[in-house]
Amino acid sequence: VGLFFLDTDRALVLLEEYCKKLRKPEEQQLKKAIRKVMGIFKSSLFQALLGSFKKKATRHGTTFHTSLPATLACDVLGCPKD
C-alpha cells in the first residue's frame, strides 16, 4: 500500500518560517518564488485537486499519512524531521 501525504497547512507554515529568514538582497528572488508556491498551495484549484486525488486514491485502497507538501518543503529547506 502506497502512502500519500496531503498536509498543505504544515507545508505553508514551514515555508512561511523559511521566508522570514530570507532578508538579504540576494535572497529576495528565492523568497518571491517561495511565496508563489505558497499561493499555489492556498489556491482553491490546488485544494480541489488534492481533494479529488485523495478520493480517488482512497477508492483504490491507498492510505494517507502526514504531509507530502510539508515533507517536500523540509527536504528543500533542510528542516529537522519530527
PDB file of N, CA and C in Angstrom:
ATOM      1  N   VAL A   1       0.857  -1.192   0.000  1.00  0.00           N
ATOM      2  CA  VAL A   1       0.000   0.000   0.000  1.00  0.00           C
ATOM      3  C   VAL A   1       0.890   1.237   0.000  1.00  0.00           C
ATOM      4  N   GLY A   2       0.637   2.137  -0.935  1.00  0.00           N
ATOM      5  CA  GLY A   2       1.429   3.355  -1.017  1.00  0.00           C
ATOM      6  C   GLY A   2       0.972   4.387   0.001  1.00  0.00           C
ATOM      7  N   LEU A   3       1.847   5.292   0.358  1.00  0.00           N
ATOM      8  CA  LEU A   3       1.499   6.373   1.274  1.00  0.00           C
ATOM      9  C   LEU A   3       1.531   7.690   0.512  1.00  0.00           C
ATOM     10  N   PHE A   4       0.466   8.477   0.646  1.00  0.00           N
ATOM     11  CA  PHE A   4       0.414   9.796   0.041  1.00  0.00           C
ATOM     12  C   PHE A   4       0.220  10.813   1.140  1.00  0.00           C
ATOM     13  N   PHE A   5       0.838  11.959   0.987  1.00  0.00           N
ATOM     14  CA  PHE A   5       0.860  12.954   2.036  1.00  0.00           C
ATOM     15  C   PHE A   5       0.224  14.244   1.530  1.00  0.00           C
ATOM     16  N   LEU A   6      -0.741  14.793   2.278  1.00  0.00           N
ATOM     17  CA  LEU A   6      -1.513  15.909   1.772  1.00  0.00           C
ATOM     18  C   LEU A   6      -1.665  17.087   2.726  1.00  0.00           C
ATOM     19  N   ASP A   7      -0.789  17.305   3.653  1.00  0.00           N
ATOM     20  CA  ASP A   7      -0.960  18.368   4.633  1.00  0.00           C
ATOM     21  C   ASP A   7      -0.329  19.671   4.157  1.00  0.00           C
ATOM     22  N   THR A   8      -1.097  20.447   3.402  1.00  0.00           N
ATOM     23  CA  THR A   8      -0.561  21.707   2.888  1.00  0.00           C
ATOM     24  C   THR A   8      -0.407  22.744   3.993  1.00  0.00           C
ATOM     25  N   ASP A   9      -1.214  22.660   5.046  1.00  0.00           N
ATOM     26  CA  ASP A   9      -1.106  23.629   6.143  1.00  0.00           C
ATOM     27  C   ASP A   9       0.279  23.583   6.773  1.00  0.00           C
ATOM     28  N   ARG A  10       0.787  22.392   7.009  1.00  0.00           N
ATOM     29  CA  ARG A  10       2.136  22.253   7.597  1.00  0.00           C
ATOM     30  C   ARG A  10       3.193  22.785   6.630  1.00  0.00           C
ATOM     31  N   ALA A  11       3.039  22.488   5.351  1.00  0.00           N
ATOM     32  CA  ALA A  11       3.986  22.990   4.355  1.00  0.00           C
ATOM     33  C   ALA A  11       3.977  24.510   4.332  1.00  0.00           C
ATOM     34  N   LEU A  12       2.792  25.109   4.413  1.00  0.00           N
ATOM     35  CA  LEU A  12       2.694  26.566   4.398  1.00  0.00           C
ATOM     36  C   LEU A  12       3.380  27.187   5.611  1.00  0.00           C
ATOM     37  N   VAL A  13       3.216  26.567   6.771  1.00  0.00           N
ATOM     38  CA  VAL A  13       3.873  27.065   7.990  1.00  0.00           C
ATOM     39  C   VAL A  13       5.391  27.002   7.824  1.00  0.00           C
ATOM     40  N   LEU A  14       5.891  25.872   7.319  1.00  0.00           N
ATOM     41  CA  LEU A  14       7.337  25.713   7.131  1.00  0.00           C
ATOM     42  C   LEU A  14       7.879  26.719   6.117  1.00  0.00           C
ATOM     43  N   LEU A  15       7.157  26.904   5.031  1.00  0.00           N
ATOM     44  CA  LEU A  15       7.602  27.855   4.014  1.00  0.00           C
ATOM     45  C   LEU A  15       7.566  29.287   4.536  1.00  0.00           C
ATOM     46  N   GLU A  16       6.543  29.622   5.305  1.00  0.00           N
ATOM     47  CA  GLU A  16       6.445  30.970   5.883  1.00  0.00           C
ATOM     48  C   GLU A  16       7.608  31.222   6.850  1.00  0.00           C
ATOM     49  N   GLU A  17       7.904  30.237   7.686  1.00  0.00           N
ATOM     50  CA  GLU A  17       9.028  30.378   8.620  1.00  0.00           C
ATOM     51  C   GLU A  17      10.342  30.582   7.857  1.00  0.00           C
ATOM     52  N   TYR A  18      10.516  29.839   6.790  1.00  0.00           N
ATOM     53  CA  TYR A  18      11.743  29.967   5.999  1.00  0.00           C
ATOM     54  C   TYR A  18      11.806  31.345   5.340  1.00  0.00           C
ATOM     55  N   CYS A  19      10.683  31.820   4.809  1.00  0.00           N
ATOM     56  CA  CYS A  19      10.654  33.141   4.160  1.00  0.00           C
ATOM     57  C   CYS A  19      11.052  34.256   5.122  1.00  0.00           C
ATOM     58  N   LYS A  20      10.671  34.116   6.370  1.00  0.00           N
ATOM     59  CA  LYS A  20      11.015  35.133   7.363  1.00  0.00           C
ATOM     60  C   LYS A  20      12.523  35.251   7.551  1.00  0.00           C
ATOM     61  N   LYS A  21      13.260  34.166   7.257  1.00  0.00           N
ATOM     62  CA  LYS A  21      14.711  34.159   7.413  1.00  0.00           C
ATOM     63  C   LYS A  21      15.432  34.755   6.202  1.00  0.00           C
ATOM     64  N   LEU A  22      14.707  34.941   5.108  1.00  0.00           N
ATOM     65  CA  LEU A  22      15.315  35.448   3.877  1.00  0.00           C
ATOM     66  C   LEU A  22      15.271  36.970   3.884  1.00  0.00           C
ATOM     67  N   ARG A  23      16.370  37.582   4.279  1.00  0.00           N
ATOM     68  CA  ARG A  23      16.411  39.042   4.426  1.00  0.00           C
ATOM     69  C   ARG A  23      17.433  39.699   3.498  1.00  0.00           C
ATOM     70  N   LYS A  24      18.430  38.951   3.067  1.00  0.00           N
ATOM     71  CA  LYS A  24      19.484  39.510   2.227  1.00  0.00           C
ATOM     72  C   LYS A  24      18.935  39.843   0.838  1.00  0.00           C
ATOM     73  N   PRO A  25      19.467  40.877   0.209  1.00  0.00           N
ATOM     74  CA  PRO A  25      19.006  41.242  -1.133  1.00  0.00           C
ATOM     75  C   PRO A  25      19.084  40.083  -2.138  1.00  0.00           C
ATOM     76  N   GLU A  26      20.141  39.293  -2.055  1.00  0.00           N
ATOM     77  CA  GLU A  26      20.298  38.180  -2.998  1.00  0.00           C
ATOM     78  C   GLU A  26      19.316  37.035  -2.737  1.00  0.00           C
ATOM     79  N   GLU A  27      18.629  37.059  -1.601  1.00  0.00           N
ATOM     80  CA  GLU A  27      17.649  36.013  -1.268  1.00  0.00           C
ATOM     81  C   GLU A  27      16.228  36.397  -1.671  1.00  0.00           C
ATOM     82  N   GLN A  28      16.031  37.595  -2.159  1.00  0.00           N
ATOM     83  CA  GLN A  28      14.683  38.078  -2.439  1.00  0.00           C
ATOM     84  C   GLN A  28      14.019  37.355  -3.614  1.00  0.00           C
ATOM     85  N   GLN A  29      14.820  36.924  -4.587  1.00  0.00           N
ATOM     86  CA  GLN A  29      14.251  36.166  -5.705  1.00  0.00           C
ATOM     87  C   GLN A  29      13.737  34.810  -5.210  1.00  0.00           C
ATOM     88  N   LEU A  30      14.500  34.161  -4.346  1.00  0.00           N
ATOM     89  CA  LEU A  30      14.065  32.898  -3.759  1.00  0.00           C
ATOM     90  C   LEU A  30      12.802  33.112  -2.935  1.00  0.00           C
ATOM     91  N   LYS A  31      12.779  34.174  -2.142  1.00  0.00           N
ATOM     92  CA  LYS A  31      11.613  34.490  -1.316  1.00  0.00           C
ATOM     93  C   LYS A  31      10.369  34.680  -2.192  1.00  0.00           C
ATOM     94  N   LYS A  32      10.538  35.374  -3.310  1.00  0.00           N
ATOM     95  CA  LYS A  32       9.422  35.597  -4.228  1.00  0.00           C
ATOM     96  C   LYS A  32       8.914  34.270  -4.804  1.00  0.00           C
ATOM     97  N   ALA A  33       9.840  33.377  -5.168  1.00  0.00           N
ATOM     98  CA  ALA A  33       9.466  32.070  -5.709  1.00  0.00           C
ATOM     99  C   ALA A  33       8.732  31.232  -4.662  1.00  0.00           C
ATOM    100  N   ILE A  34       9.205  31.265  -3.426  1.00  0.00           N
ATOM    101  CA  ILE A  34       8.549  30.509  -2.358  1.00  0.00           C
ATOM    102  C   ILE A  34       7.150  31.051  -2.112  1.00  0.00           C
ATOM    103  N   ARG A  35       6.999  32.361  -2.150  1.00  0.00           N
ATOM    104  CA  ARG A  35       5.671  32.972  -1.961  1.00  0.00           C
ATOM    105  C   ARG A  35       4.711  32.546  -3.084  1.00  0.00           C
ATOM    106  N   LYS A  36       5.236  32.361  -4.304  1.00  0.00           N
ATOM    107  CA  LYS A  36       4.403  31.867  -5.407  1.00  0.00           C
ATOM    108  C   LYS A  36       3.906  30.456  -5.103  1.00  0.00           C
ATOM    109  N   VAL A  37       4.817  29.613  -4.633  1.00  0.00           N
ATOM    110  CA  VAL A  37       4.441  28.241  -4.278  1.00  0.00           C
ATOM    111  C   VAL A  37       3.381  28.265  -3.176  1.00  0.00           C
ATOM    112  N   MET A  38       3.565  29.138  -2.201  1.00  0.00           N
ATOM    113  CA  MET A  38       2.591  29.252  -1.115  1.00  0.00           C
ATOM    114  C   MET A  38       1.225  29.661  -1.667  1.00  0.00           C
ATOM    115  N   GLY A  39       1.219  30.571  -2.625  1.00  0.00           N
ATOM    116  CA  GLY A  39      -0.032  30.984  -3.246  1.00  0.00           C
ATOM    117  C   GLY A  39      -0.718  29.829  -3.954  1.00  0.00           C
ATOM    118  N   ILE A  40       0.080  28.988  -4.607  1.00  0.00           N
ATOM    119  CA  ILE A  40      -0.487  27.805  -5.270  1.00  0.00           C
ATOM    120  C   ILE A  40      -1.085  26.858  -4.246  1.00  0.00           C
ATOM    121  N   PHE A  41      -0.357  26.602  -3.156  1.00  0.00           N
ATOM    122  CA  PHE A  41      -0.877  25.708  -2.114  1.00  0.00           C
ATOM    123  C   PHE A  41      -2.182  26.229  -1.527  1.00  0.00           C
ATOM    124  N   LYS A  42      -2.336  27.551  -1.464  1.00  0.00           N
ATOM    125  CA  LYS A  42      -3.538  28.154  -0.891  1.00  0.00           C
ATOM    126  C   LYS A  42      -4.697  28.237  -1.885  1.00  0.00           C
ATOM    127  N   SER A  43      -4.415  28.038  -3.153  1.00  0.00           N
ATOM    128  CA  SER A  43      -5.443  28.228  -4.172  1.00  0.00           C
ATOM    129  C   SER A  43      -6.551  27.187  -4.071  1.00  0.00           C
ATOM    130  N   SER A  44      -7.740  27.609  -4.456  1.00  0.00           N
ATOM    131  CA  SER A  44      -8.887  26.694  -4.425  1.00  0.00           C
ATOM    132  C   SER A  44      -8.702  25.575  -5.450  1.00  0.00           C
ATOM    133  N   LEU A  45      -8.040  25.851  -6.570  1.00  0.00           N
ATOM    134  CA  LEU A  45      -7.797  24.812  -7.565  1.00  0.00           C
ATOM    135  C   LEU A  45      -6.900  23.717  -6.995  1.00  0.00           C
ATOM    136  N   PHE A  46      -5.809  24.100  -6.346  1.00  0.00           N
ATOM    137  CA  PHE A  46      -4.897  23.124  -5.747  1.00  0.00           C
ATOM    138  C   PHE A  46      -5.619  22.289  -4.690  1.00  0.00           C
ATOM    139  N   GLN A  47      -6.394  22.954  -3.844  1.00  0.00           N
ATOM    140  CA  GLN A  47      -7.134  22.235  -2.801  1.00  0.00           C
ATOM    141  C   GLN A  47      -8.154  21.275  -3.410  1.00  0.00           C
ATOM    142  N   ALA A  48      -8.818  21.696  -4.488  1.00  0.00           N
ATOM    143  CA  ALA A  48      -9.781  20.825  -5.162  1.00  0.00           C
ATOM    144  C   ALA A  48      -9.084  19.611  -5.777  1.00  0.00           C
ATOM    145  N   LEU A  49      -7.925  19.841  -6.386  1.00  0.00           N
ATOM    146  CA  LEU A  49      -7.171  18.732  -6.960  1.00  0.00           C
ATOM    147  C   LEU A  49      -6.728  17.745  -5.887  1.00  0.00           C
ATOM    148  N   LEU A  50      -6.283  18.258  -4.746  1.00  0.00           N
ATOM    149  CA  LEU A  50      -5.895  17.366  -3.641  1.00  0.00           C
ATOM    150  C   LEU A  50      -7.085  16.549  -3.159  1.00  0.00           C
ATOM    151  N   GLY A  51      -8.221  17.222  -3.027  1.00  0.00           N
ATOM    152  CA  GLY A  51      -9.425  16.520  -2.590  1.00  0.00           C
ATOM    153  C   GLY A  51      -9.822  15.428  -3.559  1.00  0.00           C
ATOM    154  N   SER A  52      -9.760  15.724  -4.842  1.00  0.00           N
ATOM    155  CA  SER A  52     -10.081  14.748  -5.876  1.00  0.00           C
ATOM    156  C   SER A  52      -9.091  13.592  -5.859  1.00  0.00           C
ATOM    157  N   PHE A  53      -7.810  13.913  -5.715  1.00  0.00           N
ATOM    158  CA  PHE A  53      -6.772  12.894  -5.661  1.00  0.00           C
ATOM    159  C   PHE A  53      -6.968  11.983  -4.455  1.00  0.00           C
ATOM    160  N   LYS A  54      -7.295  12.594  -3.314  1.00  0.00           N
ATOM    161  CA  LYS A  54      -7.484  11.815  -2.090  1.00  0.00           C
ATOM    162  C   LYS A  54      -8.664  10.860  -2.242  1.00  0.00           C
ATOM    163  N   LYS A  55      -9.769  11.337  -2.811  1.00  0.00           N
ATOM    164  CA  LYS A  55     -10.943  10.475  -3.009  1.00  0.00           C
ATOM    165  C   LYS A  55     -10.612   9.312  -3.937  1.00  0.00           C
ATOM    166  N   LYS A  56      -9.918   9.614  -5.029  1.00  0.00           N
ATOM    167  CA  LYS A  56      -9.562   8.570  -5.997  1.00  0.00           C
ATOM    168  C   LYS A  56      -8.626   7.547  -5.363  1.00  0.00           C
ATOM    169  N   ALA A  57      -7.622   8.005  -4.648  1.00  0.00           N
ATOM    170  CA  ALA A  57      -6.658   7.094  -4.014  1.00  0.00           C
ATOM    171  C   ALA A  57      -7.338   6.249  -2.938  1.00  0.00           C
ATOM    172  N   THR A  58      -8.271   6.860  -2.200  1.00  0.00           N
ATOM    173  CA  THR A  58      -8.987   6.122  -1.158  1.00  0.00           C
ATOM    174  C   THR A  58      -9.791   4.976  -1.772  1.00  0.00           C
ATOM    175  N   ARG A  59     -10.403   5.233  -2.921  1.00  0.00           N
ATOM    176  CA  ARG A  59     -11.155   4.175  -3.615  1.00  0.00           C
ATOM    177  C   ARG A  59     -10.243   3.031  -4.037  1.00  0.00           C
ATOM    178  N   HIS A  60      -8.974   3.334  -4.261  1.00  0.00           N
ATOM    179  CA  HIS A  60      -8.021   2.300  -4.678  1.00  0.00           C
ATOM    180  C   HIS A  60      -7.278   1.686  -3.501  1.00  0.00           C
ATOM    181  N   GLY A  61      -7.671   2.017  -2.282  1.00  0.00           N
ATOM    182  CA  GLY A  61      -7.079   1.418  -1.097  1.00  0.00           C
ATOM    183  C   GLY A  61      -5.762   2.026  -0.650  1.00  0.00           C
ATOM    184  N   THR A  62      -5.461   3.215  -1.112  1.00  0.00           N
ATOM    185  CA  THR A  62      -4.235   3.882  -0.709  1.00  0.00           C
ATOM    186  C   THR A  62      -4.459   4.589   0.623  1.00  0.00           C
ATOM    187  N   THR A  63      -3.497   4.521   1.520  1.00  0.00           N
ATOM    188  CA  THR A  63      -3.618   5.200   2.802  1.00  0.00           C
ATOM    189  C   THR A  63      -2.908   6.539   2.768  1.00  0.00           C
ATOM    190  N   PHE A  64      -3.328   7.439   3.628  1.00  0.00           N
ATOM    191  CA  PHE A  64      -2.756   8.766   3.708  1.00  0.00           C
ATOM    192  C   PHE A  64      -2.082   8.934   5.057  1.00  0.00           C
ATOM    193  N   HIS A  65      -0.965   9.653   5.046  1.00  0.00           N
ATOM    194  CA  HIS A  65      -0.202   9.835   6.276  1.00  0.00           C
ATOM    195  C   HIS A  65       0.613  11.118   6.183  1.00  0.00           C
ATOM    196  N   THR A  66       0.714  11.864   7.209  1.00  0.00           N
ATOM    197  CA  THR A  66       1.442  13.124   7.324  1.00  0.00           C
ATOM    198  C   THR A  66       1.290  14.025   6.110  1.00  0.00           C
ATOM    199  N   SER A  67       2.402  14.441   5.486  1.00  0.00           N
ATOM    200  CA  SER A  67       2.298  15.531   4.531  1.00  0.00           C
ATOM    201  C   SER A  67       3.340  15.503   3.432  1.00  0.00           C
ATOM    202  N   LEU A  68       2.926  15.308   2.196  1.00  0.00           N
ATOM    203  CA  LEU A  68       3.867  15.396   1.092  1.00  0.00           C
ATOM    204  C   LEU A  68       4.341  16.823   0.905  1.00  0.00           C
ATOM    205  N   PRO A  69       3.442  17.830   0.846  1.00  0.00           N
ATOM    206  CA  PRO A  69       3.956  19.188   0.711  1.00  0.00           C
ATOM    207  C   PRO A  69       4.912  19.571   1.841  1.00  0.00           C
ATOM    208  N   ALA A  70       4.584  19.203   3.061  1.00  0.00           N
ATOM    209  CA  ALA A  70       5.463  19.530   4.192  1.00  0.00           C
ATOM    210  C   ALA A  70       6.769  18.755   4.110  1.00  0.00           C
ATOM    211  N   THR A  71       6.697  17.500   3.712  1.00  0.00           N
ATOM    212  CA  THR A  71       7.902  16.688   3.578  1.00  0.00           C
ATOM    213  C   THR A  71       8.808  17.268   2.493  1.00  0.00           C
ATOM    214  N   LEU A  72       8.209  17.648   1.369  1.00  0.00           N
ATOM    215  CA  LEU A  72       8.989  18.264   0.302  1.00  0.00           C
ATOM    216  C   LEU A  72       9.591  19.583   0.758  1.00  0.00           C
ATOM    217  N   ALA A  73       8.806  20.379   1.478  1.00  0.00           N
ATOM    218  CA  ALA A  73       9.322  21.657   1.990  1.00  0.00           C
ATOM    219  C   ALA A  73      10.517  21.410   2.907  1.00  0.00           C
ATOM    220  N   CYS A  74      10.416  20.406   3.774  1.00  0.00           N
ATOM    221  CA  CYS A  74      11.523  20.098   4.683  1.00  0.00           C
ATOM    222  C   CYS A  74      12.739  19.610   3.910  1.00  0.00           C
ATOM    223  N   ASP A  75      12.524  18.790   2.892  1.00  0.00           N
ATOM    224  CA  ASP A  75      13.643  18.310   2.091  1.00  0.00           C
ATOM    225  C   ASP A  75      14.356  19.463   1.410  1.00  0.00           C
ATOM    226  N   VAL A  76      13.583  20.393   0.853  1.00  0.00           N
ATOM    227  CA  VAL A  76      14.169  21.528   0.146  1.00  0.00           C
ATOM    228  C   VAL A  76      14.825  22.500   1.132  1.00  0.00           C
ATOM    229  N   LEU A  77      14.166  22.742   2.259  1.00  0.00           N
ATOM    230  CA  LEU A  77      14.632  23.752   3.196  1.00  0.00           C
ATOM    231  C   LEU A  77      15.573  23.211   4.255  1.00  0.00           C
ATOM    232  N   GLY A  78      15.709  21.903   4.345  1.00  0.00           N
ATOM    233  CA  GLY A  78      16.593  21.313   5.329  1.00  0.00           C
ATOM    234  C   GLY A  78      16.033  21.371   6.736  1.00  0.00           C
ATOM    235  N   CYS A  79      14.738  21.218   6.888  1.00  0.00           N
ATOM    236  CA  CYS A  79      14.083  21.256   8.201  1.00  0.00           C
ATOM    237  C   CYS A  79      14.394  19.976   8.975  1.00  0.00           C
ATOM    238  N   PRO A  80      14.437  20.073  10.290  1.00  0.00           N
ATOM    239  CA  PRO A  80      14.594  18.852  11.082  1.00  0.00           C
ATOM    240  C   PRO A  80      13.328  18.021  10.998  1.00  0.00           C
ATOM    241  N   LYS A  81      13.457  16.730  10.964  1.00  0.00           N
ATOM    242  CA  LYS A  81      12.299  15.821  10.917  1.00  0.00           C
ATOM    243  C   LYS A  81      11.699  15.690  12.309  1.00  0.00           C
ATOM    244  N   ASP A  82      10.344  15.578  12.355  1.00  0.00           N
ATOM    245  CA  ASP A  82       9.643  15.400  13.645  1.00  0.00           C
ATOM    246  C   ASP A  82       9.883  14.016  14.197  1.00  0.00           C
TER     247      ASP A  82
END
